[in-house]
């Protein structure tokens, strides 16, 4: 017993030290630059200037507007899709249930490439309108210029609504359906039933998912950058990195973003806990609810609505696919010819080949770190239930609230010349910082996946092994770990896939072409003239297929529990 306690204490101290050094300290260094002037004196002038400068204020307003609208759209679509697919039987239900989560499996950064092809002055939409006689060929509409904000909101919301869908689906699966049946027997039906019984029961999941969507949308860098939407905070921070040593207002912008997201995270956890404490029918019902068969007309309307959602969400990715296989697509509704040359060239390009090797190296190391540290935290939380373990769990969940932009900025701050870790300066080699950044960003998913697996493993098995003389390490490796492996595989594959296509950390920390990961290669190829866009789209297509396969594998292992990885 004493040895077990000593091992537990050592694990708590070691993991706590790692999180403090790799997560808390870089953030503190990033914050420090916003409050210390050139003479080393405390100042609030930099932060105050952010709110006085009209350009920075506009950037913050746009970022908040994108986040609010994206969250509203994603919540409505995600809740609606979860309710329809969980509660009703209609033609095409299984196919649509498989397709609804797909947007999460394709980074919006890649989808923006397709949207530019659709909505540019010589894009497919203008070509269609010209063919219908609705637009003057000599004065085509620049949809991206007129509606750039709407495009960013749409791409972000359509990418993130599966997070709401997964959380609400899991909540509905665990709902006490006898409460709803009792309410129906008393005449409470339709929207009133949803408002009085169903919604209060799933509110914790809605709050958790909504806060993640808001934070993700508020700090999204890839979509505004690809859509040339410069007046938004994330792009302003990215642009300011070029004179990081001379421009303290970049630090101030990071602080404003960080405070906003952490405050929202804390509020969401509190609201979720309050809603969970007062929800109706919190316990799971005895009988599982079977989907109710809809009348033919209603079934057709539901199927059509979900098909429209899936089609709208898939439009950017279909455009990427067409651009990747097009010989030429300029001023026409569809490509004028098809070829696989760009798809093959994407895997032989001088920029792409090294970037794939770089990404594999960075992500393999970061995922290995996540599996070790994440499993340790999950074990401490589920088996010891101590206050220290709960603190570690809360710290491990912080990356869900902290923007990748702010984390990458913190890693830059601790590795600048003259700082203690200047030998890790990414201008020389970003490997260490990228591995740490990827690992910290995806740690919550591995922790949640491992915790879900451990919660399903009976402690009686471990106690039986201990009673037969097995030590703590032997019990874990021979009893717990084999049973936990499917959840670790799911969490590890999910973390690996998302890290392969991480945007903020990659664009900020990998500053030399020789060290580019895949996302940098896509961004830089997209800027090239000639067939640069087609090759970028082809690389994006390969990335889409990879991420689709990885998340499909994780979903196959976890089933409906995949949404647990997005819980606060």
Protein backbone atom coordinates (compact mmCIF):
# COMPACT_ATOMS: atom_id res chain seq x y z
CA UNK A 1 0.00 0.00 0.00
CA UNK A 2 2.80 2.41 0.91
CA UNK A 3 4.58 1.64 -2.35
CA UNK A 4 1.38 2.29 -4.29
CA UNK A 5 0.92 5.63 -2.54
CA UNK A 6 4.53 6.57 -3.22
CA UNK A 7 4.13 5.73 -6.92
CA UNK A 8 0.92 7.77 -7.07
CA UNK A 9 2.57 10.77 -5.42
CA UNK A 10 5.59 10.53 -7.73
CA UNK A 11 3.29 10.40 -10.77
CA UNK A 12 1.31 13.43 -9.57
CA UNK A 13 4.49 15.45 -9.00
CA UNK A 14 6.08 14.45 -12.32
CA UNK A 15 2.97 15.12 -14.43
CA UNK A 16 2.32 18.37 -12.58
CA UNK A 17 5.89 19.52 -13.26
CA UNK A 18 5.55 18.63 -16.95
CA UNK A 19 2.30 20.58 -17.33
CA UNK A 20 3.75 23.53 -15.45
CA UNK A 21 6.88 23.60 -17.63
CA UNK A 22 5.29 22.87 -21.00
CA UNK A 23 1.93 24.62 -20.67
CA UNK A 24 1.74 27.15 -17.83
CA UNK A 25 5.22 28.66 -18.14
CA UNK A 26 5.06 29.40 -21.90
CA UNK A 27 1.67 31.04 -21.41
CA UNK A 28 3.05 33.13 -18.54
CA UNK A 29 5.97 34.26 -20.73
CA UNK A 30 3.57 35.25 -23.50
CA UNK A 31 1.48 37.24 -21.04
CA UNK A 32 4.55 38.87 -19.50
CA UNK A 33 5.43 40.71 -22.70
CA UNK A 34 2.11 42.57 -22.62
CA UNK A 35 2.81 44.13 -19.21
CA UNK A 36 6.57 44.81 -19.20
CA UNK A 37 7.91 47.79 -21.19
CA UNK A 38 11.34 48.22 -22.77
CA UNK A 39 12.79 49.40 -19.44
CA UNK A 40 11.53 46.39 -17.52
CA UNK A 41 8.76 48.37 -15.80
CA UNK A 42 5.18 47.24 -15.27
CA UNK A 43 2.75 48.87 -17.73
CA UNK A 44 -0.86 48.50 -18.81
CA UNK A 45 -0.45 50.85 -21.76
CA UNK A 46 -0.07 48.08 -24.36
CA UNK A 47 -3.32 46.37 -23.39
CA UNK A 48 -5.12 49.72 -23.16
CA UNK A 49 -3.88 50.64 -26.64
CA UNK A 50 -5.46 47.48 -28.07
CA UNK A 51 -8.88 48.82 -27.05
CA UNK A 52 -8.09 52.35 -28.24
CA UNK A 53 -6.69 51.39 -31.64
CA UNK A 54 -9.59 51.23 -34.15
CA UNK A 55 -7.89 48.52 -36.24
CA UNK A 56 -7.39 46.22 -33.24
CA UNK A 57 -10.94 46.97 -32.02
CA UNK A 58 -12.32 46.04 -35.43
CA UNK A 59 -10.31 42.82 -35.37
CA UNK A 60 -11.73 41.89 -31.96
CA UNK A 61 -15.27 42.75 -33.05
CA UNK A 62 -14.91 40.59 -36.16
CA UNK A 63 -13.41 37.70 -34.17
CA UNK A 64 -16.25 37.85 -31.63
CA UNK A 65 -18.87 38.10 -34.38
CA UNK A 66 -17.38 35.09 -36.19
CA UNK A 67 -17.33 33.12 -32.94
CA UNK A 68 -20.88 34.02 -31.90
CA UNK A 69 -22.44 33.37 -35.32
CA UNK A 70 -20.43 30.18 -35.88
CA UNK A 71 -21.50 28.88 -32.46
CA UNK A 72 -25.16 29.67 -33.09
CA UNK A 73 -25.16 28.01 -36.52
CA UNK A 74 -23.16 24.99 -35.32
CA UNK A 75 -25.42 24.57 -32.27
CA UNK A 76 -28.66 24.71 -34.25
CA UNK A 77 -27.37 22.30 -36.90
CA UNK A 78 -25.68 19.95 -34.42
CA UNK A 79 -28.62 19.73 -32.00
CA UNK A 80 -31.10 19.32 -34.86
CA UNK A 81 -29.06 16.57 -36.53
CA UNK A 82 -28.57 14.70 -33.24
CA UNK A 83 -32.28 14.81 -32.38
CA UNK A 84 -33.42 13.65 -35.83
CA UNK A 85 -30.88 10.85 -36.13
CA UNK A 86 -31.23 9.63 -32.55
CA UNK A 87 -35.00 9.75 -32.27
CA UNK A 88 -36.48 8.98 -35.70
CA UNK A 89 -36.36 6.26 -38.35
CA UNK A 90 -36.44 7.37 -42.00
CA UNK A 91 -34.97 6.31 -45.36
CA UNK A 92 -31.21 6.90 -45.63
CA UNK A 93 -30.81 7.34 -41.85
CA UNK A 94 -27.71 5.13 -41.54
CA UNK A 95 -25.99 6.75 -44.50
CA UNK A 96 -26.73 10.27 -43.26
CA UNK A 97 -25.60 9.33 -39.73
CA UNK A 98 -22.25 8.31 -41.24
CA UNK A 99 -21.99 11.49 -43.36
CA UNK A 100 -23.11 14.13 -40.83
CA UNK A 101 -19.82 14.06 -38.82
CA UNK A 102 -17.61 14.24 -41.95
CA UNK A 103 -16.94 18.03 -41.88
CA UNK A 104 -14.99 17.63 -38.63
CA UNK A 105 -12.72 15.24 -40.46
CA UNK A 106 -11.67 17.86 -43.01
CA UNK A 107 -9.87 21.01 -41.82
CA UNK A 108 -11.65 24.24 -42.90
CA UNK A 109 -8.20 25.50 -43.86
CA UNK A 110 -8.36 23.02 -46.78
CA UNK A 111 -12.02 23.79 -47.50
CA UNK A 112 -11.15 27.47 -47.93
CA UNK A 113 -9.09 26.50 -51.00
CA UNK A 114 -12.24 25.09 -52.59
CA UNK A 115 -14.40 28.07 -51.61
CA UNK A 116 -12.00 30.48 -53.30
CA UNK A 117 -12.37 28.43 -56.46
CA UNK A 118 -16.16 28.59 -56.22
CA UNK A 119 -16.59 32.25 -55.23
CA UNK A 120 -13.70 34.05 -56.96
CA UNK A 121 -14.30 36.55 -59.78
CA UNK A 122 -13.59 33.77 -62.31
CA UNK A 123 -15.14 31.10 -60.08
CA UNK A 124 -17.83 28.52 -60.71
CA UNK A 125 -20.68 30.58 -59.21
CA UNK A 126 -20.09 33.56 -61.51
CA UNK A 127 -19.75 31.21 -64.49
CA UNK A 128 -23.13 29.67 -63.63
CA UNK A 129 -24.80 33.06 -63.20
CA UNK A 130 -23.31 34.28 -66.48
CA UNK A 131 -24.70 31.21 -68.24
CA UNK A 132 -28.13 32.00 -66.79
CA UNK A 133 -27.83 35.63 -67.88
CA UNK A 134 -27.93 36.96 -64.33
CA UNK A 135 -24.43 38.51 -64.28
CA UNK A 136 -22.62 40.72 -66.80
CA UNK A 137 -19.53 38.79 -68.04
CA UNK A 138 -17.60 42.10 -68.13
CA UNK A 139 -18.42 42.90 -64.50
CA UNK A 140 -18.38 39.64 -62.48
CA UNK A 141 -19.18 39.83 -58.78
CA UNK A 142 -16.33 39.38 -56.33
CA UNK A 143 -18.22 37.24 -53.84
CA UNK A 144 -15.22 36.82 -51.57
CA UNK A 145 -14.75 40.56 -51.32
CA UNK A 146 -18.43 41.31 -50.74
CA UNK A 147 -19.17 38.30 -48.55
CA UNK A 148 -15.80 37.33 -47.09
CA UNK A 149 -17.09 37.53 -43.52
CA UNK A 150 -20.05 35.25 -44.31
CA UNK A 151 -17.74 32.72 -46.02
CA UNK A 152 -15.49 32.57 -42.93
CA UNK A 153 -18.51 32.07 -40.64
CA UNK A 154 -20.03 29.39 -42.89
CA UNK A 155 -16.80 27.43 -43.26
CA UNK A 156 -16.08 27.58 -39.53
CA UNK A 157 -19.61 26.63 -38.45
CA UNK A 158 -19.92 23.78 -40.94
CA UNK A 159 -16.58 22.40 -39.77
CA UNK A 160 -17.44 22.54 -36.08
CA UNK A 161 -21.10 21.52 -35.85
CA UNK A 162 -20.13 17.80 -35.48
CA UNK A 163 -18.65 18.69 -32.05
CA UNK A 164 -22.16 19.73 -30.94
CA UNK A 165 -23.64 16.72 -32.71
CA UNK A 166 -21.34 14.23 -30.94
CA UNK A 167 -21.97 15.74 -27.49
CA UNK A 168 -25.74 15.97 -27.88
CA UNK A 169 -25.95 12.49 -29.40
CA UNK A 170 -24.11 11.04 -26.39
CA UNK A 171 -26.36 13.00 -24.00
CA UNK A 172 -29.53 11.80 -25.75
CA UNK A 173 -28.32 8.19 -25.65
CA UNK A 174 -27.99 8.44 -21.86
CA UNK A 175 -31.24 10.32 -21.30
CA UNK A 176 -33.98 8.95 -19.04
CA UNK A 177 -36.65 8.40 -21.68
CA UNK A 178 -39.25 7.42 -19.07
CA UNK A 179 -39.39 11.10 -18.06
CA UNK A 180 -40.33 12.08 -21.60
CA UNK A 181 -42.94 9.33 -21.79
CA UNK A 182 -44.45 10.50 -18.51
CA UNK A 183 -44.57 14.07 -19.82
CA UNK A 184 -46.30 12.90 -23.01
CA UNK A 185 -48.90 11.02 -21.00
CA UNK A 186 -49.73 14.33 -19.29
CA UNK A 187 -50.16 16.11 -22.64
CA UNK A 188 -46.70 17.72 -22.97
CA UNK A 189 -45.59 17.24 -26.58
CA UNK A 190 -43.59 18.77 -29.42
CA UNK A 191 -41.54 21.89 -28.72
CA UNK A 192 -42.91 22.17 -25.20
CA UNK A 193 -41.62 18.69 -24.37
CA UNK A 194 -38.23 19.58 -25.84
CA UNK A 195 -38.07 22.86 -23.90
CA UNK A 196 -39.30 21.47 -20.57
CA UNK A 197 -37.74 18.00 -20.45
CA UNK A 198 -35.21 17.24 -23.20
CA UNK A 199 -33.26 20.51 -23.37
CA UNK A 200 -32.64 20.84 -19.60
CA UNK A 201 -31.29 17.27 -19.63
CA UNK A 202 -28.80 17.85 -22.44
CA UNK A 203 -27.80 21.41 -21.43
CA UNK A 204 -24.45 20.37 -19.86
CA UNK A 205 -23.42 18.79 -23.17
CA UNK A 206 -24.67 21.80 -25.13
CA UNK A 207 -22.69 24.20 -22.91
CA UNK A 208 -19.55 22.08 -23.18
CA UNK A 209 -19.75 21.75 -26.96
CA UNK A 210 -20.78 25.38 -27.49
CA UNK A 211 -17.83 26.70 -25.50
CA UNK A 212 -15.38 24.57 -27.49
CA UNK A 213 -16.92 25.75 -30.77
CA UNK A 214 -16.81 29.40 -29.63
CA UNK A 215 -13.17 29.23 -28.56
CA UNK A 216 -12.17 27.37 -31.74
CA UNK A 217 -14.00 29.88 -33.96
CA UNK A 218 -12.77 32.93 -32.00
CA UNK A 219 -9.14 31.99 -32.59
CA UNK A 220 -9.40 30.30 -36.02
CA UNK A 221 -6.41 31.32 -38.14
CA UNK A 222 -6.44 29.14 -41.25
CA UNK A 223 -9.82 30.13 -42.73
CA UNK A 224 -9.46 33.95 -42.42
CA UNK A 225 -5.89 33.68 -43.68
CA UNK A 226 -6.86 31.67 -46.77
CA UNK A 227 -9.86 33.96 -47.41
CA UNK A 228 -7.66 37.12 -47.16
CA UNK A 229 -9.74 38.38 -44.23
CA UNK A 230 -7.10 40.51 -42.53
CA UNK A 231 -9.23 42.49 -40.06
CA UNK A 232 -9.56 39.72 -37.50
CA UNK A 233 -7.49 39.26 -34.33
CA UNK A 234 -5.95 35.89 -35.19
CA UNK A 235 -4.56 37.15 -38.50
CA UNK A 236 -3.38 40.40 -36.87
CA UNK A 237 -1.39 38.34 -34.34
CA UNK A 238 0.04 36.15 -37.09
CA UNK A 239 1.06 39.21 -39.14
CA UNK A 240 2.61 40.86 -36.09
CA UNK A 241 5.01 37.96 -35.54
CA UNK A 242 7.25 39.43 -38.24
CA UNK A 243 8.30 42.24 -35.81
CA UNK A 244 7.78 40.38 -32.56
CA UNK A 245 10.77 42.04 -30.91
CA UNK A 246 9.61 45.56 -31.82
CA UNK A 247 5.82 45.30 -31.54
CA UNK A 248 4.59 44.75 -27.95
CA UNK A 249 0.96 45.14 -29.05
CA UNK A 250 1.06 41.58 -30.42
CA UNK A 251 1.62 40.39 -26.85
CA UNK A 252 -1.32 42.53 -25.73
CA UNK A 253 -3.57 41.01 -28.38
CA UNK A 254 -2.59 37.52 -27.23
CA UNK A 255 -3.47 38.46 -23.63
CA UNK A 256 -6.90 39.76 -24.65
CA UNK A 257 -7.61 36.57 -26.60
CA UNK A 258 -6.32 34.38 -23.77
CA UNK A 259 -8.35 36.11 -21.05
CA UNK A 260 -11.49 35.94 -23.20
CA UNK A 261 -11.18 32.23 -23.93
CA UNK A 262 -10.18 31.17 -20.39
CA UNK A 263 -13.04 33.22 -18.89
CA UNK A 264 -15.48 31.57 -21.28
CA UNK A 265 -14.05 28.14 -20.46
CA UNK A 266 -14.52 28.73 -16.73
CA UNK A 267 -18.05 30.05 -17.29
CA UNK A 268 -18.96 27.05 -19.45
CA UNK A 269 -17.71 24.58 -16.82
CA UNK A 270 -19.71 26.36 -14.14
CA UNK A 271 -22.88 26.50 -16.24
CA UNK A 272 -22.46 22.85 -17.26
CA UNK A 273 -22.03 21.81 -13.61
CA UNK A 274 -25.06 23.87 -12.54
CA UNK A 275 -27.19 22.53 -15.38
CA UNK A 276 -26.03 18.98 -14.60
CA UNK A 277 -27.00 19.40 -10.95
CA UNK A 278 -30.53 20.55 -11.75
CA UNK A 279 -31.36 18.67 -14.94
CA UNK A 280 -34.52 16.67 -15.24
CA UNK A 281 -34.23 12.88 -15.25
CA UNK A 282 -30.47 12.82 -14.77
CA UNK A 283 -30.35 9.05 -14.41
CA UNK A 284 -30.42 6.76 -17.40
CA UNK A 285 -33.66 4.94 -18.11
CA UNK A 286 -34.04 1.19 -17.84
CA UNK A 287 -35.17 0.75 -21.44
CA UNK A 288 -33.26 2.01 -24.47
CA UNK A 289 -35.40 4.16 -26.72
CA UNK A 290 -35.91 2.88 -30.24
CA UNK A 291 -36.08 5.39 -33.13
CA UNK A 292 -39.70 6.18 -33.98
CA UNK A 293 -40.76 5.53 -37.56
CA UNK A 294 -41.97 8.69 -39.30
CA UNK A 295 -44.87 8.95 -41.78
CA UNK A 296 -43.69 8.97 -45.45
CA UNK A 297 -43.99 12.74 -45.98
CA UNK A 298 -42.29 13.64 -42.69
CA UNK A 299 -39.58 11.05 -43.32
CA UNK A 300 -38.88 12.51 -46.76
CA UNK A 301 -38.69 16.06 -45.34
CA UNK A 302 -36.30 15.01 -42.57
CA UNK A 303 -34.07 13.10 -44.99
CA UNK A 304 -34.05 16.06 -47.40
CA UNK A 305 -33.15 18.51 -44.61
CA UNK A 306 -30.24 16.40 -43.38
CA UNK A 307 -29.09 15.77 -46.96
CA UNK A 308 -29.07 19.55 -47.53
CA UNK A 309 -26.91 20.04 -44.42
CA UNK A 310 -24.50 17.31 -45.51
CA UNK A 311 -24.39 18.71 -49.05
CA UNK A 312 -23.74 22.29 -47.91
CA UNK A 313 -21.00 21.15 -45.51
CA UNK A 314 -19.42 18.99 -48.22
CA UNK A 315 -19.43 21.71 -50.92
CA UNK A 316 -15.97 23.15 -50.08
CA UNK A 317 -14.45 19.67 -49.98
CA UNK A 318 -16.08 18.64 -53.26
CA UNK A 319 -14.54 21.80 -54.74
CA UNK A 320 -11.12 20.78 -53.40
CA UNK A 321 -11.55 17.37 -55.02
CA UNK A 322 -12.53 18.90 -58.40
CA UNK A 323 -9.69 21.41 -58.26
CA UNK A 324 -7.21 18.63 -57.44
CA UNK A 325 -8.20 16.59 -60.52
CA UNK A 326 -8.82 19.50 -62.92
CA UNK A 327 -6.70 20.27 -65.98
CA UNK A 328 -8.07 23.79 -66.04
CA UNK A 329 -10.86 25.40 -64.03
CA UNK A 330 -11.07 29.09 -64.83
CA UNK A 331 -14.29 30.89 -65.66
CA UNK A 332 -16.30 27.66 -66.03
CA UNK A 333 -18.94 25.94 -63.89
CA UNK A 334 -17.00 22.67 -63.88
CA UNK A 335 -13.39 21.82 -64.76
CA UNK A 336 -12.75 21.77 -68.51
CA UNK A 337 -10.84 18.50 -68.18
CA UNK A 338 -9.83 15.93 -65.58
CA UNK A 339 -6.41 14.52 -64.73
CA UNK A 340 -4.65 12.75 -61.88
CA UNK A 341 -1.36 14.51 -62.61
CA UNK A 342 -1.73 16.96 -59.71
CA UNK A 343 -2.66 14.18 -57.28
CA UNK A 344 0.51 12.30 -58.23
CA UNK A 345 2.59 15.49 -58.30
CA UNK A 346 1.48 16.35 -54.76
CA UNK A 347 3.39 13.32 -53.46
CA UNK A 348 6.50 14.07 -55.51
CA UNK A 349 6.73 17.85 -55.06
CA UNK A 350 10.00 19.23 -53.64
CA UNK A 351 8.06 21.02 -50.88
CA UNK A 352 5.57 18.26 -50.14
CA UNK A 353 7.82 15.21 -49.72
CA UNK A 354 9.96 16.69 -46.91
CA UNK A 355 6.83 18.17 -45.26
CA UNK A 356 5.22 14.72 -44.99
CA UNK A 357 8.37 13.33 -43.36
CA UNK A 358 8.54 16.32 -41.01
CA UNK A 359 4.89 15.96 -40.00
CA UNK A 360 5.26 12.25 -39.34
CA UNK A 361 8.29 12.89 -37.14
CA UNK A 362 6.69 15.71 -35.14
CA UNK A 363 3.34 13.97 -34.70
CA UNK A 364 4.67 10.50 -33.84
CA UNK A 365 6.69 11.97 -30.98
CA UNK A 366 3.84 14.18 -29.75
CA UNK A 367 1.31 11.33 -29.84
CA UNK A 368 3.66 9.03 -27.89
CA UNK A 369 4.00 11.77 -25.26
CA UNK A 370 0.20 12.20 -25.11
CA UNK A 371 -0.40 8.48 -24.67
CA UNK A 372 2.00 8.23 -21.73
CA UNK A 373 1.01 11.46 -19.97
CA UNK A 374 -2.69 11.26 -20.87
CA UNK A 375 -3.02 7.69 -19.60
CA UNK A 376 -1.23 8.62 -16.38
CA UNK A 377 -3.58 11.56 -15.75
CA UNK A 378 -6.67 9.48 -16.57
CA UNK A 379 -5.51 6.70 -14.23
CA UNK A 380 -4.90 9.15 -11.39
CA UNK A 381 -8.31 10.77 -11.90
CA UNK A 382 -10.33 7.54 -12.11
CA UNK A 383 -8.45 5.44 -9.56
CA UNK A 384 -7.21 7.82 -6.85
CA UNK A 385 -9.92 10.52 -6.98
CA UNK A 386 -7.65 12.85 -5.00
CA UNK A 387 -7.74 16.63 -5.11
CA UNK A 388 -4.32 16.71 -6.78
CA UNK A 389 -5.60 14.39 -9.52
CA UNK A 390 -8.59 16.68 -10.13
CA UNK A 391 -6.24 19.65 -10.45
CA UNK A 392 -4.17 17.72 -13.01
CA UNK A 393 -7.34 16.85 -14.92
CA UNK A 394 -8.43 20.50 -15.03
CA UNK A 395 -4.95 21.54 -16.18
CA UNK A 396 -4.94 18.87 -18.89
CA UNK A 397 -8.26 20.21 -20.20
CA UNK A 398 -6.93 23.79 -20.41
CA UNK A 399 -5.74 23.41 -24.04
CA UNK A 400 -9.42 23.18 -25.01
CA UNK A 401 -9.78 26.73 -23.68
CA UNK A 402 -6.41 28.11 -24.73
CA UNK A 403 -6.08 29.02 -28.41
CA UNK A 404 -3.33 27.31 -30.36
CA UNK A 405 -2.32 30.79 -31.44
CA UNK A 406 -1.64 31.82 -27.82
CA UNK A 407 0.21 28.59 -27.05
CA UNK A 408 2.44 28.90 -30.12
CA UNK A 409 3.12 32.51 -29.18
CA UNK A 410 4.17 31.40 -25.69
CA UNK A 411 6.61 28.86 -27.13
CA UNK A 412 8.10 31.61 -29.28
CA UNK A 413 8.44 33.82 -26.19
CA UNK A 414 10.45 31.24 -24.18
CA UNK A 415 12.76 30.48 -27.11
CA UNK A 416 13.68 34.02 -28.21
CA UNK A 417 17.29 35.10 -28.10
CA UNK A 418 18.27 35.93 -24.55
CA UNK A 419 15.61 33.68 -23.01
CA UNK A 420 16.43 30.46 -21.07
CA UNK A 421 15.42 28.16 -23.94
CA UNK A 422 16.92 30.18 -26.79
CA UNK A 423 18.65 27.00 -28.00
CA UNK A 424 15.17 25.81 -29.08
CA UNK A 425 14.69 28.82 -31.36
CA UNK A 426 12.44 27.55 -34.21
CA UNK A 427 14.43 29.49 -36.77
CA UNK A 428 17.12 26.85 -36.28
CA UNK A 429 15.00 23.74 -35.67
CA UNK A 430 11.35 23.79 -34.56
CA UNK A 431 11.14 20.05 -33.84
CA UNK A 432 11.14 20.28 -30.04
CA UNK A 433 8.66 23.16 -29.89
CA UNK A 434 6.32 21.63 -32.47
CA UNK A 435 6.32 18.29 -30.65
CA UNK A 436 5.50 20.05 -27.37
CA UNK A 437 2.86 22.27 -29.00
CA UNK A 438 1.12 19.38 -30.77
CA UNK A 439 1.26 17.27 -27.60
CA UNK A 440 -0.26 19.95 -25.39
CA UNK A 441 -2.98 20.79 -27.93
CA UNK A 442 -4.19 17.18 -28.26
CA UNK A 443 -3.61 15.97 -24.69
CA UNK A 444 -7.29 16.52 -23.66
CA UNK A 445 -8.52 14.04 -26.28
CA UNK A 446 -6.23 11.26 -25.04
CA UNK A 447 -7.08 11.99 -21.39
CA UNK A 448 -10.82 11.84 -22.08
CA UNK A 449 -10.53 8.70 -24.19
CA UNK A 450 -8.38 6.91 -21.57
CA UNK A 451 -10.65 8.06 -18.72
CA UNK A 452 -13.71 6.69 -20.56
CA UNK A 453 -11.95 3.34 -20.96
CA UNK A 454 -10.81 3.17 -17.34
CA UNK A 455 -14.33 3.98 -16.13
CA UNK A 456 -15.54 0.83 -17.90
CA UNK A 457 -12.88 -1.45 -16.40
CA UNK A 458 -14.01 -2.96 -13.11
CA UNK A 459 -11.64 -2.23 -10.24
CA UNK A 460 -12.47 -5.72 -8.94
CA UNK A 461 -10.15 -7.15 -11.60
CA UNK A 462 -7.29 -4.97 -10.40
CA UNK A 463 -8.05 -5.80 -6.75
CA UNK A 464 -8.04 -9.50 -7.58
CA UNK A 465 -4.61 -9.18 -9.20
CA UNK A 466 -3.32 -7.27 -6.18
CA UNK A 467 -4.69 -9.93 -3.81
CA UNK A 468 -2.64 -12.52 -5.71
CA UNK A 469 0.54 -10.54 -5.08
CA UNK A 470 0.79 -8.44 -8.26
CA UNK A 471 2.32 -5.02 -7.74
CA UNK A 472 0.80 -1.76 -9.02
CA UNK A 473 2.92 -1.70 -12.20
CA UNK A 474 2.38 -5.40 -12.92
CA UNK A 475 -1.39 -5.05 -12.37
CA UNK A 476 -1.55 -2.13 -14.77
CA UNK A 477 0.53 -3.72 -17.54
CA UNK A 478 -1.03 -7.21 -17.34
CA UNK A 479 -4.66 -6.42 -16.43
CA UNK A 480 -5.61 -2.79 -17.02
CA UNK A 481 -3.58 -1.94 -20.12
CA UNK A 482 -4.85 -4.81 -22.35
CA UNK A 483 -8.46 -3.82 -21.56
CA UNK A 484 -7.69 -0.14 -22.08
CA UNK A 485 -5.92 -0.60 -25.43
CA UNK A 486 -8.95 0.06 -27.72
CA UNK A 487 -9.60 3.42 -26.06
CA UNK A 488 -5.92 4.34 -26.21
CA UNK A 489 -5.82 3.43 -29.89
CA UNK A 490 -8.87 5.60 -30.57
CA UNK A 491 -7.55 8.58 -28.61
CA UNK A 492 -4.05 8.20 -30.05
CA UNK A 493 -5.24 7.95 -33.66
CA UNK A 494 -7.55 10.93 -33.15
CA UNK A 495 -4.74 13.04 -31.65
CA UNK A 496 -2.31 11.90 -34.37
CA UNK A 497 -4.70 12.81 -37.19
CA UNK A 498 -5.61 16.25 -35.82
CA UNK A 499 -1.96 17.08 -35.15
CA UNK A 500 -1.00 16.18 -38.72
CA UNK A 501 -3.23 19.02 -39.91
CA UNK A 502 -2.69 21.51 -37.07
CA UNK A 503 -2.64 25.05 -38.51
CA UNK A 504 -1.77 27.70 -35.88
CA UNK A 505 1.24 26.03 -34.28
CA UNK A 506 2.59 24.89 -37.66
CA UNK A 507 2.37 28.27 -39.40
CA UNK A 508 3.88 30.13 -36.45
CA UNK A 509 6.64 27.78 -35.29
CA UNK A 510 7.88 26.25 -38.58
CA UNK A 511 9.52 29.23 -40.30
CA UNK A 512 11.94 27.57 -42.74
CA UNK A 513 10.89 25.53 -45.77
CA UNK A 514 13.13 22.62 -44.78
CA UNK A 515 11.16 22.24 -41.53
CA UNK A 516 7.63 22.75 -42.92
CA UNK A 517 4.91 20.31 -41.87
CA UNK A 518 2.03 19.52 -44.25
CA UNK A 519 -0.15 22.54 -43.45
CA UNK A 520 2.69 24.96 -44.25
CA UNK A 521 3.24 23.15 -47.55
CA UNK A 522 -0.46 23.55 -48.47
CA UNK A 523 -0.41 27.26 -47.56
CA UNK A 524 2.77 27.99 -49.50
CA UNK A 525 1.77 25.98 -52.56
CA UNK A 526 -1.53 27.87 -52.63
CA UNK A 527 0.40 31.14 -53.01
CA UNK A 528 2.29 29.93 -56.09
CA UNK A 529 1.33 30.85 -59.64
CA UNK A 530 0.76 28.21 -62.30
CA UNK A 531 -0.52 24.90 -60.95
CA UNK A 532 0.24 25.78 -57.32
CA UNK A 533 -3.45 25.84 -56.36
CA UNK A 534 -4.12 22.46 -57.97
CA UNK A 535 -1.15 20.86 -56.22
CA UNK A 536 -2.21 22.47 -52.92
CA UNK A 537 -5.72 21.09 -53.44
CA UNK A 538 -4.30 17.65 -54.25
CA UNK A 539 -2.25 17.67 -51.05
CA UNK A 540 -5.37 18.81 -49.21
CA UNK A 541 -7.21 15.87 -50.77
CA UNK A 542 -4.63 13.43 -49.46
CA UNK A 543 -4.90 15.09 -46.04
CA UNK A 544 -8.70 14.77 -46.13
CA UNK A 545 -8.48 11.06 -46.94
CA UNK A 546 -5.97 10.49 -44.16
CA UNK A 547 -8.00 12.34 -41.54
CA UNK A 548 -11.20 10.66 -42.69
CA UNK A 549 -9.64 7.21 -42.29
CA UNK A 550 -8.15 8.03 -38.89
CA UNK A 551 -11.31 9.45 -37.35
CA UNK A 552 -13.37 6.66 -38.89
CA UNK A 553 -11.07 4.19 -37.15
CA UNK A 554 -11.43 6.04 -33.83
CA UNK A 555 -15.20 6.16 -34.21
CA UNK A 556 -15.28 2.45 -34.98
CA UNK A 557 -13.51 1.73 -31.69
CA UNK A 558 -15.46 4.17 -29.53
CA UNK A 559 -18.81 4.27 -31.35
CA UNK A 560 -21.16 6.84 -29.80
CA UNK A 561 -18.59 7.64 -27.10
CA UNK A 562 -16.45 9.65 -29.54
CA UNK A 563 -18.20 12.80 -28.31
CA UNK A 564 -16.73 12.25 -24.83
CA UNK A 565 -13.39 13.48 -26.16
CA UNK A 566 -14.93 16.95 -26.65
CA UNK A 567 -16.23 17.22 -23.11
CA UNK A 568 -14.84 19.81 -20.68
